[in-house]
Structure formats: structure tokens, C-alpha cells
Amino acid sequence: MPSSVMILEQFPEVRALSSSEKLLFVSELWNDLEEHPSEVPVSREILAELDRRMDHFKKHPEEFTTWEAVKQRILGSAA
């Protein structure tokens, strides 16, 4: 995988962008990656961590809060 320096060397116009434009650019790149998740490389370490967390969740579901409960707590407190 090329380093960020190499990418910036290949696309020097990115350096000329303002901070706001760079943030927008990063956001657009992220959205593009989201459209093709199977093409995003995932390291063995990340996969192992995800497996570890899923195992913990399966063994201790009482330690976690559902998204629905979180939304209710947030929306309920705003009312």
C-alpha cells in the first residue's frame, strides 16, 4: 500500500486545498470507500479484534445497550 507522502506526490494539487476543502475531500473519499466495502483491505489484527469483541458480546450481552435503547434515552431526555 502506498504511503500518504507518495499519494501527495502523485496528486500535488491536494496540498493546495484549504483545510475545509481537504476535510470535504476526505469525506468524499470515505463515502466512496463505503460504496465498495469488499474492496477495503482489513488486517488480520483487526479481524481478530472484531472476533474477540463478538465473542465477548455473545458471552456477556447484558453488558451492552441496544441502539434502540440508546436512541430512546437520547430522545427521551430531549423531550
PDB file of N, CA and C in Angstrom:
ATOM      1  N   MET A   1       0.845  -1.174   0.000  1.00  0.00           N
ATOM      2  CA  MET A   1       0.000   0.000   0.000  1.00  0.00           C
ATOM      3  C   MET A   1       0.896   1.245   0.000  1.00  0.00           C
ATOM      4  N   PRO A   2       0.642   2.218  -0.872  1.00  0.00           N
ATOM      5  CA  PRO A   2       1.486   3.412  -0.921  1.00  0.00           C
ATOM      6  C   PRO A   2       1.290   4.279   0.319  1.00  0.00           C
ATOM      7  N   SER A   3       2.356   4.974   0.711  1.00  0.00           N
ATOM      8  CA  SER A   3       2.245   5.865   1.865  1.00  0.00           C
ATOM      9  C   SER A   3       1.560   7.158   1.455  1.00  0.00           C
ATOM     10  N   SER A   4       1.123   7.933   2.463  1.00  0.00           N
ATOM     11  CA  SER A   4       0.438   9.190   2.172  1.00  0.00           C
ATOM     12  C   SER A   4       1.353  10.166   1.447  1.00  0.00           C
ATOM     13  N   VAL A   5       2.650  10.116   1.718  1.00  0.00           N
ATOM     14  CA  VAL A   5       3.577  11.005   1.028  1.00  0.00           C
ATOM     15  C   VAL A   5       3.576  10.692  -0.457  1.00  0.00           C
ATOM     16  N   MET A   6       3.578   9.429  -0.781  1.00  0.00           N
ATOM     17  CA  MET A   6       3.567   9.040  -2.187  1.00  0.00           C
ATOM     18  C   MET A   6       2.285   9.512  -2.867  1.00  0.00           C
ATOM     19  N   ILE A   7       1.176   9.391  -2.185  1.00  0.00           N
ATOM     20  CA  ILE A   7      -0.100   9.838  -2.757  1.00  0.00           C
ATOM     21  C   ILE A   7      -0.059  11.345  -2.980  1.00  0.00           C
ATOM     22  N   LEU A   8       0.419  12.087  -2.001  1.00  0.00           N
ATOM     23  CA  LEU A   8       0.500  13.538  -2.158  1.00  0.00           C
ATOM     24  C   LEU A   8       1.488  13.922  -3.259  1.00  0.00           C
ATOM     25  N   GLU A   9       2.521  13.134  -3.438  1.00  0.00           N
ATOM     26  CA  GLU A   9       3.450  13.393  -4.539  1.00  0.00           C
ATOM     27  C   GLU A   9       2.774  13.152  -5.884  1.00  0.00           C
ATOM     28  N   GLN A  10       1.901  12.168  -5.932  1.00  0.00           N
ATOM     29  CA  GLN A  10       1.184  11.863  -7.174  1.00  0.00           C
ATOM     30  C   GLN A  10       0.101  12.894  -7.471  1.00  0.00           C
ATOM     31  N   PHE A  11      -0.444  13.494  -6.427  1.00  0.00           N
ATOM     32  CA  PHE A  11      -1.530  14.460  -6.579  1.00  0.00           C
ATOM     33  C   PHE A  11      -1.191  15.747  -5.826  1.00  0.00           C
ATOM     34  N   PRO A  12      -0.202  16.501  -6.315  1.00  0.00           N
ATOM     35  CA  PRO A  12       0.246  17.700  -5.580  1.00  0.00           C
ATOM     36  C   PRO A  12      -0.837  18.762  -5.417  1.00  0.00           C
ATOM     37  N   GLU A  13      -1.868  18.733  -6.243  1.00  0.00           N
ATOM     38  CA  GLU A  13      -2.937  19.722  -6.128  1.00  0.00           C
ATOM     39  C   GLU A  13      -3.699  19.584  -4.806  1.00  0.00           C
ATOM     40  N   VAL A  14      -3.627  18.412  -4.186  1.00  0.00           N
ATOM     41  CA  VAL A  14      -4.298  18.205  -2.905  1.00  0.00           C
ATOM     42  C   VAL A  14      -3.668  19.110  -1.835  1.00  0.00           C
ATOM     43  N   ARG A  15      -2.359  19.298  -1.885  1.00  0.00           N
ATOM     44  CA  ARG A  15      -1.675  20.160  -0.918  1.00  0.00           C
ATOM     45  C   ARG A  15      -2.172  21.606  -1.007  1.00  0.00           C
ATOM     46  N   ALA A  16      -2.637  22.007  -2.181  1.00  0.00           N
ATOM     47  CA  ALA A  16      -3.075  23.392  -2.384  1.00  0.00           C
ATOM     48  C   ALA A  16      -4.483  23.645  -1.843  1.00  0.00           C
ATOM     49  N   LEU A  17      -5.197  22.593  -1.480  1.00  0.00           N
ATOM     50  CA  LEU A  17      -6.556  22.759  -0.968  1.00  0.00           C
ATOM     51  C   LEU A  17      -6.532  23.411   0.411  1.00  0.00           C
ATOM     52  N   SER A  18      -7.577  24.155   0.722  1.00  0.00           N
ATOM     53  CA  SER A  18      -7.728  24.718   2.068  1.00  0.00           C
ATOM     54  C   SER A  18      -8.065  23.572   3.028  1.00  0.00           C
ATOM     55  N   SER A  19      -7.983  23.844   4.309  1.00  0.00           N
ATOM     56  CA  SER A  19      -8.331  22.830   5.307  1.00  0.00           C
ATOM     57  C   SER A  19      -9.771  22.351   5.131  1.00  0.00           C
ATOM     58  N   SER A  20     -10.678  23.262   4.878  1.00  0.00           N
ATOM     59  CA  SER A  20     -12.091  22.893   4.667  1.00  0.00           C
ATOM     60  C   SER A  20     -12.241  22.003   3.440  1.00  0.00           C
ATOM     61  N   GLU A  21     -11.534  22.352   2.380  1.00  0.00           N
ATOM     62  CA  GLU A  21     -11.600  21.548   1.158  1.00  0.00           C
ATOM     63  C   GLU A  21     -10.993  20.164   1.384  1.00  0.00           C
ATOM     64  N   LYS A  22      -9.918  20.103   2.163  1.00  0.00           N
ATOM     65  CA  LYS A  22      -9.299  18.803   2.453  1.00  0.00           C
ATOM     66  C   LYS A  22     -10.256  17.922   3.258  1.00  0.00           C
ATOM     67  N   LEU A  23     -10.950  18.508   4.244  1.00  0.00           N
ATOM     68  CA  LEU A  23     -11.920  17.738   5.016  1.00  0.00           C
ATOM     69  C   LEU A  23     -13.056  17.227   4.133  1.00  0.00           C
ATOM     70  N   LEU A  24     -13.514  18.067   3.241  1.00  0.00           N
ATOM     71  CA  LEU A  24     -14.557  17.652   2.308  1.00  0.00           C
ATOM     72  C   LEU A  24     -14.049  16.534   1.407  1.00  0.00           C
ATOM     73  N   PHE A  25     -12.811  16.664   0.946  1.00  0.00           N
ATOM     74  CA  PHE A  25     -12.191  15.651   0.099  1.00  0.00           C
ATOM     75  C   PHE A  25     -12.101  14.313   0.831  1.00  0.00           C
ATOM     76  N   VAL A  26     -11.649  14.357   2.085  1.00  0.00           N
ATOM     77  CA  VAL A  26     -11.554  13.134   2.887  1.00  0.00           C
ATOM     78  C   VAL A  26     -12.933  12.513   3.059  1.00  0.00           C
ATOM     79  N   SER A  27     -13.933  13.336   3.314  1.00  0.00           N
ATOM     80  CA  SER A  27     -15.296  12.848   3.475  1.00  0.00           C
ATOM     81  C   SER A  27     -15.791  12.166   2.200  1.00  0.00           C
ATOM     82  N   GLU A  28     -15.507  12.775   1.076  1.00  0.00           N
ATOM     83  CA  GLU A  28     -15.925  12.185  -0.200  1.00  0.00           C
ATOM     84  C   GLU A  28     -15.181  10.876  -0.474  1.00  0.00           C
ATOM     85  N   LEU A  29     -13.895  10.827  -0.123  1.00  0.00           N
ATOM     86  CA  LEU A  29     -13.139   9.587  -0.285  1.00  0.00           C
ATOM     87  C   LEU A  29     -13.717   8.494   0.596  1.00  0.00           C
ATOM     88  N   TRP A  30     -14.035   8.847   1.849  1.00  0.00           N
ATOM     89  CA  TRP A  30     -14.614   7.872   2.774  1.00  0.00           C
ATOM     90  C   TRP A  30     -15.947   7.344   2.233  1.00  0.00           C
ATOM     91  N   ASN A  31     -16.789   8.245   1.731  1.00  0.00           N
ATOM     92  CA  ASN A  31     -18.077   7.827   1.164  1.00  0.00           C
ATOM     93  C   ASN A  31     -17.873   6.893  -0.018  1.00  0.00           C
ATOM     94  N   ASP A  32     -16.859   7.166  -0.818  1.00  0.00           N
ATOM     95  CA  ASP A  32     -16.561   6.304  -1.958  1.00  0.00           C
ATOM     96  C   ASP A  32     -16.134   4.914  -1.479  1.00  0.00           C
ATOM     97  N   LEU A  33     -15.310   4.865  -0.431  1.00  0.00           N
ATOM     98  CA  LEU A  33     -14.907   3.576   0.125  1.00  0.00           C
ATOM     99  C   LEU A  33     -16.102   2.809   0.668  1.00  0.00           C
ATOM    100  N   GLU A  34     -17.040   3.514   1.282  1.00  0.00           N
ATOM    101  CA  GLU A  34     -18.236   2.874   1.839  1.00  0.00           C
ATOM    102  C   GLU A  34     -19.069   2.183   0.765  1.00  0.00           C
ATOM    103  N   GLU A  35     -19.013   2.694  -0.453  1.00  0.00           N
ATOM    104  CA  GLU A  35     -19.796   2.104  -1.540  1.00  0.00           C
ATOM    105  C   GLU A  35     -19.242   0.757  -1.980  1.00  0.00           C
ATOM    106  N   HIS A  36     -17.986   0.463  -1.621  1.00  0.00           N
ATOM    107  CA  HIS A  36     -17.340  -0.780  -2.059  1.00  0.00           C
ATOM    108  C   HIS A  36     -16.598  -1.415  -0.879  1.00  0.00           C
ATOM    109  N   PRO A  37     -17.330  -1.807   0.175  1.00  0.00           N
ATOM    110  CA  PRO A  37     -16.659  -2.300   1.382  1.00  0.00           C
ATOM    111  C   PRO A  37     -15.813  -3.547   1.156  1.00  0.00           C
ATOM    112  N   SER A  38     -16.183  -4.381   0.203  1.00  0.00           N
ATOM    113  CA  SER A  38     -15.411  -5.608  -0.016  1.00  0.00           C
ATOM    114  C   SER A  38     -14.028  -5.323  -0.603  1.00  0.00           C
ATOM    115  N   GLU A  39     -13.829  -4.112  -1.107  1.00  0.00           N
ATOM    116  CA  GLU A  39     -12.544  -3.752  -1.690  1.00  0.00           C
ATOM    117  C   GLU A  39     -11.592  -3.113  -0.677  1.00  0.00           C
ATOM    118  N   VAL A  40     -12.072  -2.866   0.544  1.00  0.00           N
ATOM    119  CA  VAL A  40     -11.251  -2.228   1.570  1.00  0.00           C
ATOM    120  C   VAL A  40     -10.471  -3.319   2.304  1.00  0.00           C
ATOM    121  N   PRO A  41      -9.144  -3.249   2.269  1.00  0.00           N
ATOM    122  CA  PRO A  41      -8.358  -4.289   2.946  1.00  0.00           C
ATOM    123  C   PRO A  41      -8.497  -4.173   4.468  1.00  0.00           C
ATOM    124  N   VAL A  42      -8.604  -5.329   5.109  1.00  0.00           N
ATOM    125  CA  VAL A  42      -8.721  -5.374   6.567  1.00  0.00           C
ATOM    126  C   VAL A  42      -7.611  -6.294   7.069  1.00  0.00           C
ATOM    127  N   SER A  43      -6.833  -5.802   8.021  1.00  0.00           N
ATOM    128  CA  SER A  43      -5.711  -6.589   8.530  1.00  0.00           C
ATOM    129  C   SER A  43      -6.202  -7.762   9.380  1.00  0.00           C
ATOM    130  N   ARG A  44      -5.351  -8.753   9.531  1.00  0.00           N
ATOM    131  CA  ARG A  44      -5.673  -9.903  10.384  1.00  0.00           C
ATOM    132  C   ARG A  44      -5.883  -9.462  11.826  1.00  0.00           C
ATOM    133  N   GLU A  45      -5.114  -8.452  12.250  1.00  0.00           N
ATOM    134  CA  GLU A  45      -5.252  -7.959  13.621  1.00  0.00           C
ATOM    135  C   GLU A  45      -6.638  -7.367  13.861  1.00  0.00           C
ATOM    136  N   ILE A  46      -7.141  -6.615  12.893  1.00  0.00           N
ATOM    137  CA  ILE A  46      -8.476  -6.025  13.033  1.00  0.00           C
ATOM    138  C   ILE A  46      -9.528  -7.123  13.040  1.00  0.00           C
ATOM    139  N   LEU A  47      -9.403  -8.101  12.157  1.00  0.00           N
ATOM    140  CA  LEU A  47     -10.359  -9.210  12.132  1.00  0.00           C
ATOM    141  C   LEU A  47     -10.329  -9.984  13.447  1.00  0.00           C
ATOM    142  N   ALA A  48      -9.138 -10.208  13.995  1.00  0.00           N
ATOM    143  CA  ALA A  48      -9.022 -10.912  15.271  1.00  0.00           C
ATOM    144  C   ALA A  48      -9.687 -10.111  16.392  1.00  0.00           C
ATOM    145  N   GLU A  49      -9.501  -8.786  16.392  1.00  0.00           N
ATOM    146  CA  GLU A  49     -10.132  -7.942  17.411  1.00  0.00           C
ATOM    147  C   GLU A  49     -11.653  -7.965  17.276  1.00  0.00           C
ATOM    148  N   LEU A  50     -12.144  -7.907  16.059  1.00  0.00           N
ATOM    149  CA  LEU A  50     -13.594  -7.977  15.854  1.00  0.00           C
ATOM    150  C   LEU A  50     -14.149  -9.311  16.346  1.00  0.00           C
ATOM    151  N   ASP A  51     -13.435 -10.401  16.052  1.00  0.00           N
ATOM    152  CA  ASP A  51     -13.855 -11.715  16.540  1.00  0.00           C
ATOM    153  C   ASP A  51     -13.861 -11.749  18.067  1.00  0.00           C
ATOM    154  N   ARG A  52     -12.819 -11.173  18.700  1.00  0.00           N
ATOM    155  CA  ARG A  52     -12.732 -11.145  20.148  1.00  0.00           C
ATOM    156  C   ARG A  52     -13.912 -10.379  20.742  1.00  0.00           C
ATOM    157  N   ARG A  53     -14.227  -9.243  20.139  1.00  0.00           N
ATOM    158  CA  ARG A  53     -15.336  -8.433  20.647  1.00  0.00           C
ATOM    159  C   ARG A  53     -16.678  -9.132  20.454  1.00  0.00           C
ATOM    160  N   MET A  54     -16.852  -9.808  19.325  1.00  0.00           N
ATOM    161  CA  MET A  54     -18.106 -10.528  19.093  1.00  0.00           C
ATOM    162  C   MET A  54     -18.255 -11.669  20.086  1.00  0.00           C
ATOM    163  N   ASP A  55     -17.162 -12.386  20.358  1.00  0.00           N
ATOM    164  CA  ASP A  55     -17.210 -13.457  21.357  1.00  0.00           C
ATOM    165  C   ASP A  55     -17.595 -12.899  22.724  1.00  0.00           C
ATOM    166  N   HIS A  56     -17.009 -11.762  23.091  1.00  0.00           N
ATOM    167  CA  HIS A  56     -17.338 -11.140  24.380  1.00  0.00           C
ATOM    168  C   HIS A  56     -18.819 -10.739  24.414  1.00  0.00           C
ATOM    169  N   PHE A  57     -19.298 -10.176  23.320  1.00  0.00           N
ATOM    170  CA  PHE A  57     -20.701  -9.782  23.258  1.00  0.00           C
ATOM    171  C   PHE A  57     -21.621 -10.992  23.422  1.00  0.00           C
ATOM    172  N   LYS A  58     -21.289 -12.103  22.759  1.00  0.00           N
ATOM    173  CA  LYS A  58     -22.121 -13.304  22.851  1.00  0.00           C
ATOM    174  C   LYS A  58     -22.129 -13.880  24.261  1.00  0.00           C
ATOM    175  N   LYS A  59     -20.999 -13.774  24.957  1.00  0.00           N
ATOM    176  CA  LYS A  59     -20.905 -14.314  26.309  1.00  0.00           C
ATOM    177  C   LYS A  59     -21.497 -13.386  27.369  1.00  0.00           C
ATOM    178  N   HIS A  60     -21.517 -12.074  27.092  1.00  0.00           N
ATOM    179  CA  HIS A  60     -21.971 -11.089  28.083  1.00  0.00           C
ATOM    180  C   HIS A  60     -22.904 -10.040  27.460  1.00  0.00           C
ATOM    181  N   PRO A  61     -24.004 -10.465  26.866  1.00  0.00           N
ATOM    182  CA  PRO A  61     -24.887  -9.487  26.205  1.00  0.00           C
ATOM    183  C   PRO A  61     -25.469  -8.451  27.167  1.00  0.00           C
ATOM    184  N   GLU A  62     -25.527  -8.790  28.453  1.00  0.00           N
ATOM    185  CA  GLU A  62     -26.080  -7.853  29.438  1.00  0.00           C
ATOM    186  C   GLU A  62     -25.192  -6.622  29.638  1.00  0.00           C
ATOM    187  N   GLU A  63     -23.951  -6.676  29.182  1.00  0.00           N
ATOM    188  CA  GLU A  63     -23.041  -5.540  29.321  1.00  0.00           C
ATOM    189  C   GLU A  63     -23.243  -4.481  28.239  1.00  0.00           C
ATOM    190  N   PHE A  64     -24.108  -4.762  27.288  1.00  0.00           N
ATOM    191  CA  PHE A  64     -24.270  -3.873  26.139  1.00  0.00           C
ATOM    192  C   PHE A  64     -25.659  -3.271  26.095  1.00  0.00           C
ATOM    193  N   THR A  65     -25.760  -2.140  25.413  1.00  0.00           N
ATOM    194  CA  THR A  65     -27.025  -1.438  25.251  1.00  0.00           C
ATOM    195  C   THR A  65     -27.397  -1.458  23.776  1.00  0.00           C
ATOM    196  N   THR A  66     -28.659  -1.740  23.492  1.00  0.00           N
ATOM    197  CA  THR A  66     -29.101  -1.754  22.095  1.00  0.00           C
ATOM    198  C   THR A  66     -29.179  -0.334  21.549  1.00  0.00           C
ATOM    199  N   TRP A  67     -29.096  -0.228  20.248  1.00  0.00           N
ATOM    200  CA  TRP A  67     -29.216   1.071  19.594  1.00  0.00           C
ATOM    201  C   TRP A  67     -30.579   1.692  19.901  1.00  0.00           C
ATOM    202  N   GLU A  68     -31.608   0.868  19.925  1.00  0.00           N
ATOM    203  CA  GLU A  68     -32.942   1.366  20.221  1.00  0.00           C
ATOM    204  C   GLU A  68     -32.998   1.986  21.618  1.00  0.00           C
ATOM    205  N   ALA A  69     -32.359   1.345  22.600  1.00  0.00           N
ATOM    206  CA  ALA A  69     -32.346   1.882  23.965  1.00  0.00           C
ATOM    207  C   ALA A  69     -31.562   3.190  24.040  1.00  0.00           C
ATOM    208  N   VAL A  70     -30.471   3.264  23.308  1.00  0.00           N
ATOM    209  CA  VAL A  70     -29.672   4.500  23.287  1.00  0.00           C
ATOM    210  C   VAL A  70     -30.490   5.632  22.678  1.00  0.00           C
ATOM    211  N   LYS A  71     -31.143   5.365  21.549  1.00  0.00           N
ATOM    212  CA  LYS A  71     -31.981   6.399  20.917  1.00  0.00           C
ATOM    213  C   LYS A  71     -33.092   6.850  21.856  1.00  0.00           C
ATOM    214  N   GLN A  72     -33.711   5.915  22.526  1.00  0.00           N
ATOM    215  CA  GLN A  72     -34.798   6.253  23.454  1.00  0.00           C
ATOM    216  C   GLN A  72     -34.288   7.115  24.590  1.00  0.00           C
ATOM    217  N   ARG A  73     -33.116   6.781  25.106  1.00  0.00           N
ATOM    218  CA  ARG A  73     -32.530   7.562  26.207  1.00  0.00           C
ATOM    219  C   ARG A  73     -32.230   8.984  25.732  1.00  0.00           C
ATOM    220  N   ILE A  74     -31.675   9.107  24.516  1.00  0.00           N
ATOM    221  CA  ILE A  74     -31.337  10.425  23.985  1.00  0.00           C
ATOM    222  C   ILE A  74     -32.593  11.225  23.669  1.00  0.00           C
ATOM    223  N   LEU A  75     -33.505  10.618  22.938  1.00  0.00           N
ATOM    224  CA  LEU A  75     -34.723  11.321  22.535  1.00  0.00           C
ATOM    225  C   LEU A  75     -35.614  11.589  23.738  1.00  0.00           C
ATOM    226  N   GLY A  76     -35.624  10.676  24.683  1.00  0.00           N
ATOM    227  CA  GLY A  76     -36.436  10.856  25.878  1.00  0.00           C
ATOM    228  C   GLY A  76     -35.930  11.985  26.741  1.00  0.00           C
ATOM    229  N   SER A  77     -34.607  12.180  26.759  1.00  0.00           N
ATOM    230  CA  SER A  77     -34.046  13.252  27.574  1.00  0.00           C
ATOM    231  C   SER A  77     -34.207  14.621  26.915  1.00  0.00           C
ATOM    232  N   ALA A  78     -34.413  14.628  25.610  1.00  0.00           N
ATOM    233  CA  ALA A  78     -34.559  15.901  24.889  1.00  0.00           C
ATOM    234  C   ALA A  78     -35.996  16.413  24.978  1.00  0.00           C
ATOM    235  N   ALA A  79     -36.921  15.532  25.325  1.00  0.00           N
ATOM    236  CA  ALA A  79     -38.340  15.936  25.355  1.00  0.00           C
ATOM    237  C   ALA A  79     -38.699  16.688  26.610  1.00  0.00           C
TER     238      ALA A  79
END
